[in-house]
Amino acid sequence: MAQKPANAQSATNKTNRKPRNKITYTPAPLPAEGFVRLPSIIAVLGISRNTFLNGVKAGKYPKGTLLTSRCRVWPVTDIRALLESLSGGANG
């Protein structure tokens, strides 16, 4: 019988891996003060993630602040000002 290489994984090793605990962020309403993350912003604005991020690149929406290399937040005051400017532009 042919021997397997020492570094070969068996089929049982692949199926016995621990599941990844993926942390997700649920959108919440805008707080009175503080910072909000992207899911909350797109839920309030009613636009897609890509539309918002493209607007950030174009300068239409605020850039936000990096907390870590993978976590960006926006001040609530900036988002409230954005909502007022969007609603003011549509009515007037």
Foldseek 3Di string as FASTA:
>chain_A
DDDDDPPDDDPVVVVPDDDDDDDDDDADAQDPWDKDFDVVLCVVVVDDSVVVVVCCVVVNAPDADDPDPPTGIHTSVRSVVSVVVVVVVVVD
